[in-house]
Amino acid sequence: MTFQTSGGVRYYQFGLFGGGVVQGIFTRQGGVSPEPWSGLNVGGTVGDDPLRVRDNRALALAALNRSSDSVFDAWQVHGKDVAIATAPRPADTPHPKADIILTDRPGVTLMMRFADCVPIFLHDPVRKVVGIAHAGWTGTVLGTARAAVEAMQAHFETVPADVRAAIGPSIGPDHYEVGSDVIGKVREAFGSKADGLLCERGDSTFLDLWKANMILLLEAGVTQIENAGLCTFCHNEDWFSHRAEKGRTGRFGAIIALKE
């Protein structure tokens, strides 16, 4: 686990992945966007100028030596649908609706956007496949992380024990307060394990998304898991946080690709 700086932008890299993977989760440091999106906002639906978003994306990609025309991204909808990227997404085509993207093509760069939800990176070094998933509370109770591993099995014949998985910066268990509707969904999805995911403090209940997604990955047969343990709410100077900034904020980028 380490932070890197390149071209004026700062990003986080996991130690779990070997040299065959290009990966980074970008802080808000650097970039060209003003408040309230300062500075490296890559979210195009939060009110920022599209030209600034384009420039921020280019800065992030350049830091990892990836080109803007190599990107495959998706319209994230808090589900568990899968997009298989066999080529970059042309800029003039609609985004597919998906919260899981997988590829075995070194020329494709996978990118998603976050501001409290959980980024999950996946790499199968045997079949040479990478993936990225987006899991808020909805995606977590739907089992998005588990579905991502199952999709790697179905599409690329991945053996789950070969998979390396990483859980990125997201809202931590000390700040993710949830209501009765979410509590009910968590208990329904996780059964007896839900007690270990829900913490009551006074009249409030908090959900541990990190632990929940680790459970899902373990259930899918993944044993090599790294958790950044970085709370976006606690470290708002580095990460956009929907909760901490009351919805008026940007989105940070997460990028993974097979090395060409």
C-alpha atoms as a PDB file:
ATOM      1  CA  MET A   1       0.000   0.000   0.000  1.00  0.00           C
ATOM      2  CA  THR A   2       1.562   3.235  -1.089  1.00  0.00           C
ATOM      3  CA  PHE A   3       0.830   6.698  -2.432  1.00  0.00           C
ATOM      4  CA  GLN A   4       2.488   7.924  -5.614  1.00  0.00           C
ATOM      5  CA  THR A   5       2.629  11.349  -7.259  1.00  0.00           C
ATOM      6  CA  SER A   6       3.008  11.925 -10.981  1.00  0.00           C
ATOM      7  CA  GLY A   7       2.222  14.937 -13.127  1.00  0.00           C
ATOM      8  CA  GLY A   8       0.887  16.817 -10.106  1.00  0.00           C
ATOM      9  CA  VAL A   9      -1.719  14.190  -9.206  1.00  0.00           C
ATOM     10  CA  ARG A  10      -1.582  11.828  -6.240  1.00  0.00           C
ATOM     11  CA  TYR A  11      -2.837   8.273  -6.303  1.00  0.00           C
ATOM     12  CA  TYR A  12      -2.928   5.131  -4.208  1.00  0.00           C
ATOM     13  CA  GLN A  13      -1.605   1.753  -5.304  1.00  0.00           C
ATOM     14  CA  PHE A  14      -2.090  -1.676  -3.775  1.00  0.00           C
ATOM     15  CA  GLY A  15       0.870  -3.862  -2.907  1.00  0.00           C
ATOM     16  CA  LEU A  16      -0.934  -7.105  -3.742  1.00  0.00           C
ATOM     17  CA  PHE A  17      -0.731  -6.842  -7.507  1.00  0.00           C
ATOM     18  CA  GLY A  18       2.362  -7.837  -9.442  1.00  0.00           C
ATOM     19  CA  GLY A  19       4.093  -6.163 -12.325  1.00  0.00           C
ATOM     20  CA  GLY A  20       1.563  -7.327 -14.894  1.00  0.00           C
ATOM     21  CA  VAL A  21      -1.053  -4.835 -13.727  1.00  0.00           C
ATOM     22  CA  VAL A  22      -1.345  -1.065 -14.051  1.00  0.00           C
ATOM     23  CA  GLN A  23      -3.487   0.276 -11.212  1.00  0.00           C
ATOM     24  CA  GLY A  24      -4.267   3.389  -9.241  1.00  0.00           C
ATOM     25  CA  ILE A  25      -7.022   5.017  -7.218  1.00  0.00           C
ATOM     26  CA  PHE A  26      -6.724   8.763  -7.597  1.00  0.00           C
ATOM     27  CA  THR A  27      -7.083  11.266  -4.791  1.00  0.00           C
ATOM     28  CA  ARG A  28      -8.599  14.671  -5.407  1.00  0.00           C
ATOM     29  CA  GLN A  29      -5.118  16.229  -5.263  1.00  0.00           C
ATOM     30  CA  GLY A  30      -4.118  18.006  -8.463  1.00  0.00           C
ATOM     31  CA  GLY A  31      -6.467  18.521 -11.357  1.00  0.00           C
ATOM     32  CA  VAL A  32      -8.135  21.628 -12.736  1.00  0.00           C
ATOM     33  CA  SER A  33     -11.599  21.733 -11.137  1.00  0.00           C
ATOM     34  CA  PRO A  34     -12.594  24.524  -8.715  1.00  0.00           C
ATOM     35  CA  GLU A  35     -14.703  24.160  -5.580  1.00  0.00           C
ATOM     36  CA  PRO A  36     -16.789  22.189  -4.776  1.00  0.00           C
ATOM     37  CA  TRP A  37     -15.129  19.638  -7.074  1.00  0.00           C
ATOM     38  CA  SER A  38     -11.528  20.585  -6.351  1.00  0.00           C
ATOM     39  CA  GLY A  39      -9.455  19.343  -7.890  1.00  0.00           C
ATOM     40  CA  LEU A  40      -9.134  15.974  -9.797  1.00  0.00           C
ATOM     41  CA  ASN A  41     -12.833  15.395 -10.406  1.00  0.00           C
ATOM     42  CA  VAL A  42     -13.527  12.732 -13.054  1.00  0.00           C
ATOM     43  CA  GLY A  43     -17.300  12.678 -12.559  1.00  0.00           C
ATOM     44  CA  GLY A  44     -19.234  14.069 -15.501  1.00  0.00           C
ATOM     45  CA  THR A  45     -22.676  14.212 -13.861  1.00  0.00           C
ATOM     46  CA  VAL A  46     -21.994  16.338 -10.772  1.00  0.00           C
ATOM     47  CA  GLY A  47     -22.151  19.831 -12.292  1.00  0.00           C
ATOM     48  CA  ASP A  48     -18.505  20.340 -13.199  1.00  0.00           C
ATOM     49  CA  ASP A  49     -17.558  21.629 -16.641  1.00  0.00           C
ATOM     50  CA  PRO A  50     -17.172  18.696 -19.073  1.00  0.00           C
ATOM     51  CA  LEU A  51     -13.929  20.120 -20.459  1.00  0.00           C
ATOM     52  CA  ARG A  52     -12.383  20.195 -16.985  1.00  0.00           C
ATOM     53  CA  VAL A  53     -13.550  16.619 -16.374  1.00  0.00           C
ATOM     54  CA  ARG A  54     -11.954  15.578 -19.661  1.00  0.00           C
ATOM     55  CA  ASP A  55      -8.674  17.228 -18.672  1.00  0.00           C
ATOM     56  CA  ASN A  56      -8.743  15.604 -15.223  1.00  0.00           C
ATOM     57  CA  ARG A  57      -9.304  12.161 -16.734  1.00  0.00           C
ATOM     58  CA  ALA A  58      -6.381  12.740 -19.091  1.00  0.00           C
ATOM     59  CA  LEU A  59      -4.130  13.727 -16.176  1.00  0.00           C
ATOM     60  CA  ALA A  60      -5.032  10.567 -14.249  1.00  0.00           C
ATOM     61  CA  LEU A  61      -4.494   8.325 -17.257  1.00  0.00           C
ATOM     62  CA  ALA A  62      -1.193   9.992 -18.133  1.00  0.00           C
ATOM     63  CA  ALA A  63       0.077   9.358 -14.594  1.00  0.00           C
ATOM     64  CA  LEU A  64      -0.244   5.635 -15.345  1.00  0.00           C
ATOM     65  CA  ASN A  65       0.980   5.973 -18.932  1.00  0.00           C
ATOM     66  CA  ARG A  66      -2.431   5.082 -20.361  1.00  0.00           C
ATOM     67  CA  SER A  67      -4.098   6.953 -23.195  1.00  0.00           C
ATOM     68  CA  SER A  68      -7.556   8.509 -23.091  1.00  0.00           C
ATOM     69  CA  ASP A  69      -8.646   6.473 -26.102  1.00  0.00           C
ATOM     70  CA  SER A  70      -7.918   3.193 -24.269  1.00  0.00           C
ATOM     71  CA  VAL A  71     -10.689   3.660 -21.699  1.00  0.00           C
ATOM     72  CA  PHE A  72     -13.728   1.488 -21.158  1.00  0.00           C
ATOM     73  CA  ASP A  73     -16.056   2.912 -18.519  1.00  0.00           C
ATOM     74  CA  ALA A  74     -19.691   2.401 -17.576  1.00  0.00           C
ATOM     75  CA  TRP A  75     -22.804   4.121 -16.299  1.00  0.00           C
ATOM     76  CA  GLN A  76     -22.798   2.883 -12.714  1.00  0.00           C
ATOM     77  CA  VAL A  77     -26.309   2.052 -11.492  1.00  0.00           C
ATOM     78  CA  HIS A  78     -25.791   0.283  -8.125  1.00  0.00           C
ATOM     79  CA  GLY A  79     -26.415  -3.180  -9.515  1.00  0.00           C
ATOM     80  CA  LYS A  80     -24.399  -6.250 -10.394  1.00  0.00           C
ATOM     81  CA  ASP A  81     -24.588  -6.342 -14.181  1.00  0.00           C
ATOM     82  CA  VAL A  82     -21.341  -7.143 -15.971  1.00  0.00           C
ATOM     83  CA  ALA A  83     -19.730  -5.526 -19.009  1.00  0.00           C
ATOM     84  CA  ILE A  84     -17.004  -7.473 -20.819  1.00  0.00           C
ATOM     85  CA  ALA A  85     -14.634  -5.004 -22.455  1.00  0.00           C
ATOM     86  CA  THR A  86     -13.142  -6.439 -25.644  1.00  0.00           C
ATOM     87  CA  ALA A  87     -12.096  -2.981 -26.869  1.00  0.00           C
ATOM     88  CA  PRO A  88     -12.127   0.599 -25.564  1.00  0.00           C
ATOM     89  CA  ARG A  89     -15.503   2.317 -25.520  1.00  0.00           C
ATOM     90  CA  PRO A  90     -15.682   4.827 -28.385  1.00  0.00           C
ATOM     91  CA  ALA A  91     -16.375   8.306 -27.046  1.00  0.00           C
ATOM     92  CA  ASP A  92     -19.459   8.714 -29.248  1.00  0.00           C
ATOM     93  CA  THR A  93     -21.202   5.551 -27.984  1.00  0.00           C
ATOM     94  CA  PRO A  94     -23.456   5.335 -24.912  1.00  0.00           C
ATOM     95  CA  HIS A  95     -22.095   4.028 -21.650  1.00  0.00           C
ATOM     96  CA  PRO A  96     -23.261   0.493 -20.854  1.00  0.00           C
ATOM     97  CA  LYS A  97     -25.105   0.220 -17.550  1.00  0.00           C
ATOM     98  CA  ALA A  98     -22.879  -1.933 -15.363  1.00  0.00           C
ATOM     99  CA  ASP A  99     -21.180  -2.023 -11.982  1.00  0.00           C
ATOM    100  CA  ILE A 100     -18.675  -4.700 -12.957  1.00  0.00           C
ATOM    101  CA  ILE A 101     -16.242  -4.436 -15.880  1.00  0.00           C
ATOM    102  CA  LEU A 102     -13.856  -7.206 -16.895  1.00  0.00           C
ATOM    103  CA  THR A 103     -11.248  -7.495 -19.627  1.00  0.00           C
ATOM    104  CA  ASP A 104      -8.433  -9.729 -20.839  1.00  0.00           C
ATOM    105  CA  ARG A 105      -7.203  -7.145 -23.352  1.00  0.00           C
ATOM    106  CA  PRO A 106      -4.014  -5.231 -22.440  1.00  0.00           C
ATOM    107  CA  GLY A 107      -5.070  -2.367 -24.706  1.00  0.00           C
ATOM    108  CA  VAL A 108      -8.168  -1.640 -22.597  1.00  0.00           C
ATOM    109  CA  THR A 109      -8.092   0.565 -19.498  1.00  0.00           C
ATOM    110  CA  LEU A 110     -10.961   0.038 -17.055  1.00  0.00           C
ATOM    111  CA  MET A 111     -12.174   3.132 -15.192  1.00  0.00           C
ATOM    112  CA  MET A 112     -14.899   3.822 -12.622  1.00  0.00           C
ATOM    113  CA  ARG A 113     -15.836   6.792 -10.422  1.00  0.00           C
ATOM    114  CA  PHE A 114     -16.408   6.887  -6.654  1.00  0.00           C
ATOM    115  CA  ALA A 115     -17.279   9.161  -3.732  1.00  0.00           C
ATOM    116  CA  ASP A 116     -17.886   6.797  -0.730  1.00  0.00           C
ATOM    117  CA  CYS A 117     -18.874   3.539  -2.456  1.00  0.00           C
ATOM    118  CA  VAL A 118     -16.386   0.680  -2.482  1.00  0.00           C
ATOM    119  CA  PRO A 119     -13.961   0.253  -5.409  1.00  0.00           C
ATOM    120  CA  ILE A 120     -12.945  -3.384  -5.869  1.00  0.00           C
ATOM    121  CA  PHE A 121     -10.019  -4.385  -8.076  1.00  0.00           C
ATOM    122  CA  LEU A 122      -9.613  -7.971  -9.303  1.00  0.00           C
ATOM    123  CA  HIS A 123      -6.739  -9.685 -11.083  1.00  0.00           C
ATOM    124  CA  ASP A 124      -6.350 -13.248 -12.281  1.00  0.00           C
ATOM    125  CA  PRO A 125      -2.628 -13.551 -13.096  1.00  0.00           C
ATOM    126  CA  VAL A 126      -3.079 -17.040 -14.544  1.00  0.00           C
ATOM    127  CA  ARG A 127      -5.779 -16.254 -17.120  1.00  0.00           C
ATOM    128  CA  LYS A 128      -4.548 -12.661 -17.380  1.00  0.00           C
ATOM    129  CA  VAL A 129      -7.825 -10.925 -16.582  1.00  0.00           C
ATOM    130  CA  VAL A 130      -8.511  -7.737 -14.634  1.00  0.00           C
ATOM    131  CA  GLY A 131     -11.755  -6.335 -13.327  1.00  0.00           C
ATOM    132  CA  ILE A 132     -13.223  -3.440 -11.411  1.00  0.00           C
ATOM    133  CA  ALA A 133     -16.458  -3.319  -9.429  1.00  0.00           C
ATOM    134  CA  HIS A 134     -18.512  -0.597  -7.736  1.00  0.00           C
ATOM    135  CA  ALA A 135     -20.357  -1.480  -4.527  1.00  0.00           C
ATOM    136  CA  GLY A 136     -22.323   0.874  -2.322  1.00  0.00           C
ATOM    137  CA  TRP A 137     -24.719  -0.603   0.194  1.00  0.00           C
ATOM    138  CA  THR A 138     -27.057  -1.686  -2.607  1.00  0.00           C
ATOM    139  CA  GLY A 139     -24.324  -3.411  -4.571  1.00  0.00           C
ATOM    140  CA  THR A 140     -23.021  -4.988  -1.394  1.00  0.00           C
ATOM    141  CA  VAL A 141     -26.328  -6.591  -0.423  1.00  0.00           C
ATOM    142  CA  LEU A 142     -26.791  -7.683  -4.046  1.00  0.00           C
ATOM    143  CA  GLY A 143     -23.424  -9.440  -3.860  1.00  0.00           C
ATOM    144  CA  THR A 144     -21.657  -7.456  -6.587  1.00  0.00           C
ATOM    145  CA  ALA A 145     -18.168  -8.536  -5.470  1.00  0.00           C
ATOM    146  CA  ARG A 146     -19.177 -12.191  -5.548  1.00  0.00           C
ATOM    147  CA  ALA A 147     -20.885 -11.720  -8.919  1.00  0.00           C
ATOM    148  CA  ALA A 148     -17.688 -10.225 -10.336  1.00  0.00           C
ATOM    149  CA  VAL A 149     -15.683 -13.325  -9.424  1.00  0.00           C
ATOM    150  CA  GLU A 150     -18.421 -15.597 -10.791  1.00  0.00           C
ATOM    151  CA  ALA A 151     -18.343 -13.640 -14.061  1.00  0.00           C
ATOM    152  CA  MET A 152     -14.578 -14.124 -14.284  1.00  0.00           C
ATOM    153  CA  GLN A 153     -15.183 -17.868 -13.903  1.00  0.00           C
ATOM    154  CA  ALA A 154     -17.931 -17.909 -16.528  1.00  0.00           C
ATOM    155  CA  HIS A 155     -16.241 -15.746 -19.168  1.00  0.00           C
ATOM    156  CA  PHE A 156     -12.539 -16.500 -18.677  1.00  0.00           C
ATOM    157  CA  GLU A 157     -12.423 -19.836 -16.812  1.00  0.00           C
ATOM    158  CA  THR A 158     -10.846 -18.139 -13.810  1.00  0.00           C
ATOM    159  CA  VAL A 159     -10.121 -20.267 -10.756  1.00  0.00           C
ATOM    160  CA  PRO A 160     -11.172 -18.123  -7.729  1.00  0.00           C
ATOM    161  CA  ALA A 161      -8.149 -19.235  -5.678  1.00  0.00           C
ATOM    162  CA  ASP A 162      -5.936 -17.560  -8.298  1.00  0.00           C
ATOM    163  CA  VAL A 163      -7.673 -14.190  -7.958  1.00  0.00           C
ATOM    164  CA  ARG A 164      -6.104 -11.253  -6.164  1.00  0.00           C
ATOM    165  CA  ALA A 165      -8.666  -8.744  -4.895  1.00  0.00           C
ATOM    166  CA  ALA A 166      -8.333  -5.300  -3.378  1.00  0.00           C
ATOM    167  CA  ILE A 167     -10.841  -3.097  -1.574  1.00  0.00           C
ATOM    168  CA  GLY A 168     -10.191   0.587  -2.127  1.00  0.00           C
ATOM    169  CA  PRO A 169     -10.807   3.818  -0.212  1.00  0.00           C
ATOM    170  CA  SER A 170     -14.487   4.196   0.690  1.00  0.00           C
ATOM    171  CA  ILE A 171     -16.627   5.270   3.605  1.00  0.00           C
ATOM    172  CA  GLY A 172     -15.511   3.431   6.724  1.00  0.00           C
ATOM    173  CA  PRO A 173     -17.477   1.654   9.435  1.00  0.00           C
ATOM    174  CA  ASP A 174     -17.136   4.575  11.871  1.00  0.00           C
ATOM    175  CA  HIS A 175     -19.037   6.971   9.595  1.00  0.00           C
ATOM    176  CA  TYR A 176     -21.446   4.945   7.483  1.00  0.00           C
ATOM    177  CA  GLU A 177     -24.665   5.362   9.442  1.00  0.00           C
ATOM    178  CA  VAL A 178     -27.621   3.474   7.956  1.00  0.00           C
ATOM    179  CA  GLY A 179     -31.358   3.345   8.578  1.00  0.00           C
ATOM    180  CA  SER A 180     -33.802   0.532   9.198  1.00  0.00           C
ATOM    181  CA  ASP A 181     -34.355  -0.166   5.490  1.00  0.00           C
ATOM    182  CA  VAL A 182     -30.656  -0.827   4.899  1.00  0.00           C
ATOM    183  CA  ILE A 183     -30.336  -2.785   8.141  1.00  0.00           C
ATOM    184  CA  GLY A 184     -33.124  -5.083   7.001  1.00  0.00           C
ATOM    185  CA  LYS A 185     -31.505  -5.659   3.606  1.00  0.00           C
ATOM    186  CA  VAL A 186     -28.135  -6.411   5.219  1.00  0.00           C
ATOM    187  CA  ARG A 187     -29.701  -8.958   7.571  1.00  0.00           C
ATOM    188  CA  GLU A 188     -31.554 -10.558   4.688  1.00  0.00           C
ATOM    189  CA  ALA A 189     -28.402 -10.787   2.543  1.00  0.00           C
ATOM    190  CA  PHE A 190     -25.864 -11.846   5.177  1.00  0.00           C
ATOM    191  CA  GLY A 191     -27.975 -13.801   7.669  1.00  0.00           C
ATOM    192  CA  SER A 192     -26.083 -14.654  10.857  1.00  0.00           C
ATOM    193  CA  LYS A 193     -23.002 -12.766   9.598  1.00  0.00           C
ATOM    194  CA  ALA A 194     -24.899  -9.463   9.645  1.00  0.00           C
ATOM    195  CA  ASP A 195     -24.292  -8.972  13.375  1.00  0.00           C
ATOM    196  CA  GLY A 196     -20.592  -8.582  12.624  1.00  0.00           C
ATOM    197  CA  LEU A 197     -21.294  -5.954   9.991  1.00  0.00           C
ATOM    198  CA  LEU A 198     -23.692  -3.721  11.928  1.00  0.00           C
ATOM    199  CA  CYS A 199     -22.511  -1.732  14.927  1.00  0.00           C
ATOM    200  CA  GLU A 200     -24.941   0.101  17.195  1.00  0.00           C
ATOM    201  CA  ARG A 201     -23.755   3.255  18.937  1.00  0.00           C
ATOM    202  CA  GLY A 202     -26.432   5.021  20.893  1.00  0.00           C
ATOM    203  CA  ASP A 203     -29.461   5.420  18.652  1.00  0.00           C
ATOM    204  CA  SER A 204     -27.411   4.957  15.472  1.00  0.00           C
ATOM    205  CA  THR A 205     -26.350   1.897  13.480  1.00  0.00           C
ATOM    206  CA  PHE A 206     -23.248   1.809  11.293  1.00  0.00           C
ATOM    207  CA  LEU A 207     -22.434  -0.579   8.449  1.00  0.00           C
ATOM    208  CA  ASP A 208     -18.991  -2.009   7.701  1.00  0.00           C
ATOM    209  CA  LEU A 209     -18.840  -2.165   3.899  1.00  0.00           C
ATOM    210  CA  TRP A 210     -15.215  -3.294   3.952  1.00  0.00           C
ATOM    211  CA  LYS A 211     -15.908  -6.389   6.000  1.00  0.00           C
ATOM    212  CA  ALA A 212     -19.098  -7.147   4.050  1.00  0.00           C
ATOM    213  CA  ASN A 213     -17.264  -7.154   0.742  1.00  0.00           C
ATOM    214  CA  MET A 214     -14.444  -9.248   2.168  1.00  0.00           C
ATOM    215  CA  ILE A 215     -17.077 -11.813   3.170  1.00  0.00           C
ATOM    216  CA  LEU A 216     -18.476 -11.830  -0.368  1.00  0.00           C
ATOM    217  CA  LEU A 217     -15.023 -12.322  -1.885  1.00  0.00           C
ATOM    218  CA  LEU A 218     -14.214 -15.146   0.538  1.00  0.00           C
ATOM    219  CA  GLU A 219     -17.548 -16.788  -0.240  1.00  0.00           C
ATOM    220  CA  ALA A 220     -16.607 -16.636  -3.929  1.00  0.00           C
ATOM    221  CA  GLY A 221     -13.386 -18.527  -3.187  1.00  0.00           C
ATOM    222  CA  VAL A 222     -10.947 -15.593  -3.176  1.00  0.00           C
ATOM    223  CA  THR A 223      -8.359 -15.775  -0.399  1.00  0.00           C
ATOM    224  CA  GLN A 224      -5.815 -13.145  -1.492  1.00  0.00           C
ATOM    225  CA  ILE A 225      -7.458  -9.884  -0.411  1.00  0.00           C
ATOM    226  CA  GLU A 226      -5.995  -6.482   0.446  1.00  0.00           C
ATOM    227  CA  ASN A 227      -8.066  -3.776   2.134  1.00  0.00           C
ATOM    228  CA  ALA A 228      -6.812  -0.192   1.899  1.00  0.00           C
ATOM    229  CA  GLY A 229      -8.644   0.686   5.123  1.00  0.00           C
ATOM    230  CA  LEU A 230      -8.901   4.325   4.061  1.00  0.00           C
ATOM    231  CA  CYS A 231     -12.114   6.132   4.965  1.00  0.00           C
ATOM    232  CA  THR A 232     -13.222   8.743   2.448  1.00  0.00           C
ATOM    233  CA  PHE A 233     -15.235  10.578   5.125  1.00  0.00           C
ATOM    234  CA  CYS A 234     -12.288  10.747   7.547  1.00  0.00           C
ATOM    235  CA  HIS A 235      -9.806  11.790   4.858  1.00  0.00           C
ATOM    236  CA  ASN A 236     -11.871  14.271   2.890  1.00  0.00           C
ATOM    237  CA  GLU A 237      -8.732  16.225   2.044  1.00  0.00           C
ATOM    238  CA  ASP A 238      -7.735  13.303  -0.205  1.00  0.00           C
ATOM    239  CA  TRP A 239     -11.029  11.757  -1.278  1.00  0.00           C
ATOM    240  CA  PHE A 240     -14.373  13.035  -2.494  1.00  0.00           C
ATOM    241  CA  SER A 241     -17.052  11.975   0.001  1.00  0.00           C
ATOM    242  CA  HIS A 242     -20.754  12.239  -0.745  1.00  0.00           C
ATOM    243  CA  ARG A 243     -21.611  11.964   2.959  1.00  0.00           C
ATOM    244  CA  ALA A 244     -18.949  14.337   4.289  1.00  0.00           C
ATOM    245  CA  GLU A 245     -19.737  16.988   1.683  1.00  0.00           C
ATOM    246  CA  LYS A 246     -23.506  16.531   1.798  1.00  0.00           C
ATOM    247  CA  GLY A 247     -23.808  15.533  -1.837  1.00  0.00           C
ATOM    248  CA  ARG A 248     -22.015  18.554  -3.315  1.00  0.00           C
ATOM    249  CA  THR A 249     -18.727  17.039  -4.430  1.00  0.00           C
ATOM    250  CA  GLY A 250     -16.804  15.352  -7.234  1.00  0.00           C
ATOM    251  CA  ARG A 251     -15.834  11.781  -8.029  1.00  0.00           C
ATOM    252  CA  PHE A 252     -12.407  10.220  -7.795  1.00  0.00           C
ATOM    253  CA  GLY A 253     -11.184   7.808 -10.421  1.00  0.00           C
ATOM    254  CA  ALA A 254     -10.131   4.179 -10.099  1.00  0.00           C
ATOM    255  CA  ILE A 255      -8.154   2.686 -12.975  1.00  0.00           C
ATOM    256  CA  ILE A 256      -6.900  -0.835 -13.649  1.00  0.00           C
ATOM    257  CA  ALA A 257      -5.456  -2.454 -16.772  1.00  0.00           C
ATOM    258  CA  LEU A 258      -3.238  -5.279 -17.890  1.00  0.00           C
ATOM    259  CA  LYS A 259       0.237  -4.032 -18.718  1.00  0.00           C
ATOM    260  CA  GLU A 260       0.816  -3.915 -22.456  1.00  0.00           C
END
